Amino acid sequence: MSTSYLEKFHLLPDETFVPVKVFPLMAGIAVSTAWRRAKLEPDFPKPVRLGQRCTRFRLGDIRRFLAEREARCGAS
C-alpha cells in the first residue's frame, strides 16, 4: 500500500475507521506487530470489529497513540 494514501488523513475526523493495513504504515511497524501489540499492550490502539470479515482501527486512537509515543521519545 502506498503512503500517498496517508496524505490527507489529517483532514479526517477522529471517528474515522482506518483499514488494518494503514495503521502500521502510520506507526512504522509491520501488520503482524500491530496485531501482536494490540493484543498484549494495554495502551496500544485496539482493533474494532465491524463485521465478520471487517476490522478497523479508530483514527482518534491512532492519533493519541502516535502523539504519546512522540512525547515519550521526544522527552528522552
N, C-alpha and C. Protein backbone atom coordinates (compact mmCIF):
# COMPACT_ATOMS: atom_id res chain seq x y z
N MET A 1 0.84 -1.18 0.00
CA MET A 1 0.00 0.00 0.00
C MET A 1 0.88 1.23 0.00
N SER A 2 0.56 2.17 -0.80
CA SER A 2 1.34 3.39 -0.98
C SER A 2 1.10 4.37 0.16
N THR A 3 2.13 5.13 0.50
CA THR A 3 1.99 6.14 1.55
C THR A 3 1.18 7.34 1.06
N SER A 4 0.94 7.45 -0.26
CA SER A 4 0.10 8.53 -0.77
C SER A 4 -1.31 8.44 -0.19
N TYR A 5 -1.68 7.24 0.24
CA TYR A 5 -2.97 7.01 0.89
C TYR A 5 -3.09 7.83 2.17
N LEU A 6 -1.95 8.16 2.77
CA LEU A 6 -1.93 8.85 4.06
C LEU A 6 -1.92 10.37 3.95
N GLU A 7 -1.77 10.90 2.75
CA GLU A 7 -1.56 12.33 2.58
C GLU A 7 -2.66 13.22 3.15
N LYS A 8 -3.89 12.80 3.11
CA LYS A 8 -5.00 13.66 3.57
C LYS A 8 -5.64 13.16 4.87
N PHE A 9 -4.95 12.31 5.59
CA PHE A 9 -5.51 11.78 6.83
C PHE A 9 -5.72 12.85 7.88
N HIS A 10 -4.93 13.91 7.84
CA HIS A 10 -5.09 14.98 8.83
C HIS A 10 -6.43 15.68 8.69
N LEU A 11 -7.11 15.51 7.56
CA LEU A 11 -8.41 16.14 7.35
C LEU A 11 -9.58 15.30 7.87
N LEU A 12 -9.34 14.05 8.18
CA LEU A 12 -10.40 13.14 8.60
C LEU A 12 -10.71 13.31 10.09
N PRO A 13 -11.97 13.11 10.50
CA PRO A 13 -12.33 13.20 11.92
C PRO A 13 -11.80 11.99 12.69
N ASP A 14 -11.67 12.15 13.99
CA ASP A 14 -11.17 11.07 14.85
C ASP A 14 -12.05 9.83 14.83
N GLU A 15 -13.31 9.99 14.50
CA GLU A 15 -14.25 8.86 14.49
C GLU A 15 -14.09 7.95 13.27
N THR A 16 -13.21 8.33 12.35
CA THR A 16 -12.99 7.56 11.12
C THR A 16 -12.40 6.20 11.45
N PHE A 17 -12.88 5.17 10.78
CA PHE A 17 -12.31 3.83 10.91
C PHE A 17 -11.28 3.62 9.81
N VAL A 18 -10.09 3.21 10.21
CA VAL A 18 -8.96 3.07 9.30
C VAL A 18 -8.70 1.58 9.03
N PRO A 19 -8.46 1.21 7.78
CA PRO A 19 -8.14 -0.19 7.47
C PRO A 19 -6.93 -0.69 8.26
N VAL A 20 -6.95 -1.96 8.58
CA VAL A 20 -5.89 -2.56 9.39
C VAL A 20 -4.50 -2.36 8.77
N LYS A 21 -4.39 -2.39 7.47
CA LYS A 21 -3.08 -2.25 6.83
C LYS A 21 -2.56 -0.82 6.82
N VAL A 22 -3.42 0.15 7.08
CA VAL A 22 -3.00 1.55 7.06
C VAL A 22 -2.34 1.96 8.38
N PHE A 23 -2.87 1.50 9.49
CA PHE A 23 -2.31 1.88 10.80
C PHE A 23 -0.82 1.55 10.91
N PRO A 24 -0.38 0.34 10.54
CA PRO A 24 1.06 0.07 10.62
C PRO A 24 1.91 1.01 9.76
N LEU A 25 1.39 1.44 8.63
CA LEU A 25 2.12 2.42 7.81
C LEU A 25 2.31 3.72 8.58
N MET A 26 1.28 4.14 9.27
CA MET A 26 1.35 5.38 10.04
C MET A 26 2.31 5.26 11.21
N ALA A 27 2.35 4.07 11.82
CA ALA A 27 3.16 3.84 13.02
C ALA A 27 4.57 3.36 12.70
N GLY A 28 4.82 2.99 11.45
CA GLY A 28 6.14 2.50 11.08
C GLY A 28 6.43 1.11 11.60
N ILE A 29 5.40 0.27 11.66
CA ILE A 29 5.55 -1.10 12.14
C ILE A 29 4.93 -2.05 11.13
N ALA A 30 5.16 -3.34 11.31
CA ALA A 30 4.56 -4.36 10.45
C ALA A 30 3.13 -4.65 10.90
N VAL A 31 2.32 -5.16 9.99
CA VAL A 31 0.93 -5.51 10.32
C VAL A 31 0.89 -6.54 11.44
N SER A 32 1.75 -7.55 11.37
CA SER A 32 1.77 -8.59 12.41
C SER A 32 2.16 -8.00 13.77
N THR A 33 3.03 -7.01 13.77
CA THR A 33 3.41 -6.34 15.01
C THR A 33 2.23 -5.57 15.59
N ALA A 34 1.45 -4.92 14.74
CA ALA A 34 0.26 -4.19 15.21
C ALA A 34 -0.72 -5.15 15.87
N TRP A 35 -0.97 -6.30 15.26
CA TRP A 35 -1.88 -7.28 15.85
C TRP A 35 -1.36 -7.77 17.19
N ARG A 36 -0.07 -8.09 17.26
CA ARG A 36 0.52 -8.61 18.50
C ARG A 36 0.46 -7.56 19.60
N ARG A 37 0.85 -6.33 19.28
CA ARG A 37 0.86 -5.28 20.30
C ARG A 37 -0.55 -4.92 20.75
N ALA A 38 -1.52 -4.96 19.85
CA ALA A 38 -2.91 -4.68 20.22
C ALA A 38 -3.41 -5.71 21.23
N LYS A 39 -2.93 -6.92 21.09
CA LYS A 39 -3.35 -8.00 22.00
C LYS A 39 -2.64 -7.90 23.35
N LEU A 40 -1.38 -7.48 23.35
CA LEU A 40 -0.55 -7.56 24.56
C LEU A 40 -0.40 -6.26 25.34
N GLU A 41 -0.48 -5.12 24.67
CA GLU A 41 -0.19 -3.83 25.33
C GLU A 41 -1.47 -3.05 25.60
N PRO A 42 -1.72 -2.70 26.86
CA PRO A 42 -2.97 -2.02 27.20
C PRO A 42 -3.11 -0.62 26.60
N ASP A 43 -2.01 0.09 26.34
CA ASP A 43 -2.11 1.45 25.81
C ASP A 43 -2.05 1.50 24.28
N PHE A 44 -1.99 0.36 23.62
CA PHE A 44 -1.92 0.29 22.17
C PHE A 44 -3.34 0.35 21.61
N PRO A 45 -3.58 1.04 20.48
CA PRO A 45 -4.93 1.09 19.90
C PRO A 45 -5.49 -0.32 19.66
N LYS A 46 -6.76 -0.47 19.97
CA LYS A 46 -7.42 -1.77 19.80
C LYS A 46 -8.22 -1.79 18.51
N PRO A 47 -8.16 -2.90 17.79
CA PRO A 47 -8.97 -3.02 16.58
C PRO A 47 -10.45 -3.12 16.93
N VAL A 48 -11.28 -2.63 16.03
CA VAL A 48 -12.73 -2.67 16.20
C VAL A 48 -13.30 -3.57 15.12
N ARG A 49 -14.00 -4.59 15.53
CA ARG A 49 -14.60 -5.50 14.56
C ARG A 49 -15.96 -4.95 14.13
N LEU A 50 -16.08 -4.63 12.84
CA LEU A 50 -17.31 -4.05 12.32
C LEU A 50 -18.21 -5.08 11.65
N GLY A 51 -17.66 -6.23 11.38
CA GLY A 51 -18.41 -7.30 10.73
C GLY A 51 -17.61 -8.58 10.77
N GLN A 52 -18.15 -9.61 10.16
CA GLN A 52 -17.49 -10.91 10.21
C GLN A 52 -16.09 -10.86 9.59
N ARG A 53 -15.93 -10.09 8.53
CA ARG A 53 -14.62 -10.01 7.86
C ARG A 53 -14.14 -8.56 7.72
N CYS A 54 -14.53 -7.73 8.68
CA CYS A 54 -14.19 -6.31 8.60
C CYS A 54 -13.71 -5.81 9.96
N THR A 55 -12.42 -5.51 10.06
CA THR A 55 -11.82 -4.99 11.28
C THR A 55 -11.08 -3.71 10.94
N ARG A 56 -11.22 -2.72 11.78
CA ARG A 56 -10.59 -1.41 11.56
C ARG A 56 -10.04 -0.88 12.88
N PHE A 57 -9.22 0.17 12.77
CA PHE A 57 -8.75 0.92 13.93
C PHE A 57 -9.39 2.30 13.87
N ARG A 58 -9.69 2.88 15.03
CA ARG A 58 -10.22 4.25 15.08
C ARG A 58 -9.06 5.23 14.89
N LEU A 59 -9.25 6.19 14.02
CA LEU A 59 -8.21 7.16 13.74
C LEU A 59 -7.84 7.98 14.97
N GLY A 60 -8.82 8.31 15.80
CA GLY A 60 -8.54 9.06 17.03
C GLY A 60 -7.63 8.29 17.97
N ASP A 61 -7.84 6.97 18.08
CA ASP A 61 -6.97 6.13 18.92
C ASP A 61 -5.55 6.11 18.37
N ILE A 62 -5.44 6.05 17.05
CA ILE A 62 -4.12 6.05 16.41
C ILE A 62 -3.42 7.38 16.66
N ARG A 63 -4.13 8.47 16.49
CA ARG A 63 -3.53 9.79 16.71
C ARG A 63 -3.05 9.95 18.15
N ARG A 64 -3.85 9.52 19.11
CA ARG A 64 -3.45 9.60 20.52
C ARG A 64 -2.20 8.76 20.77
N PHE A 65 -2.20 7.54 20.26
CA PHE A 65 -1.05 6.65 20.43
C PHE A 65 0.22 7.27 19.85
N LEU A 66 0.13 7.79 18.63
CA LEU A 66 1.30 8.36 17.98
C LEU A 66 1.79 9.62 18.72
N ALA A 67 0.86 10.44 19.22
CA ALA A 67 1.23 11.64 19.96
C ALA A 67 1.93 11.26 21.28
N GLU A 68 1.40 10.25 21.97
CA GLU A 68 2.02 9.80 23.23
C GLU A 68 3.40 9.20 22.96
N ARG A 69 3.52 8.44 21.87
CA ARG A 69 4.81 7.84 21.53
C ARG A 69 5.83 8.93 21.20
N GLU A 70 5.39 9.95 20.47
CA GLU A 70 6.28 11.06 20.14
C GLU A 70 6.69 11.82 21.39
N ALA A 71 5.78 12.01 22.31
CA ALA A 71 6.10 12.72 23.55
C ALA A 71 7.11 11.93 24.38
N ARG A 72 6.93 10.60 24.44
CA ARG A 72 7.88 9.76 25.18
C ARG A 72 9.26 9.78 24.54
N CYS A 73 9.30 9.66 23.23
CA CYS A 73 10.58 9.64 22.52
C CYS A 73 11.25 11.00 22.53
N GLY A 74 10.45 12.04 22.46
CA GLY A 74 10.98 13.40 22.48
C GLY A 74 11.50 13.80 23.85
N ALA A 75 10.95 13.20 24.91
CA ALA A 75 11.33 13.52 26.28
C ALA A 75 12.63 12.83 26.67
N SER A 76 13.03 11.82 25.91
CA SER A 76 14.25 11.06 26.27
C SER A 76 15.50 11.80 25.90
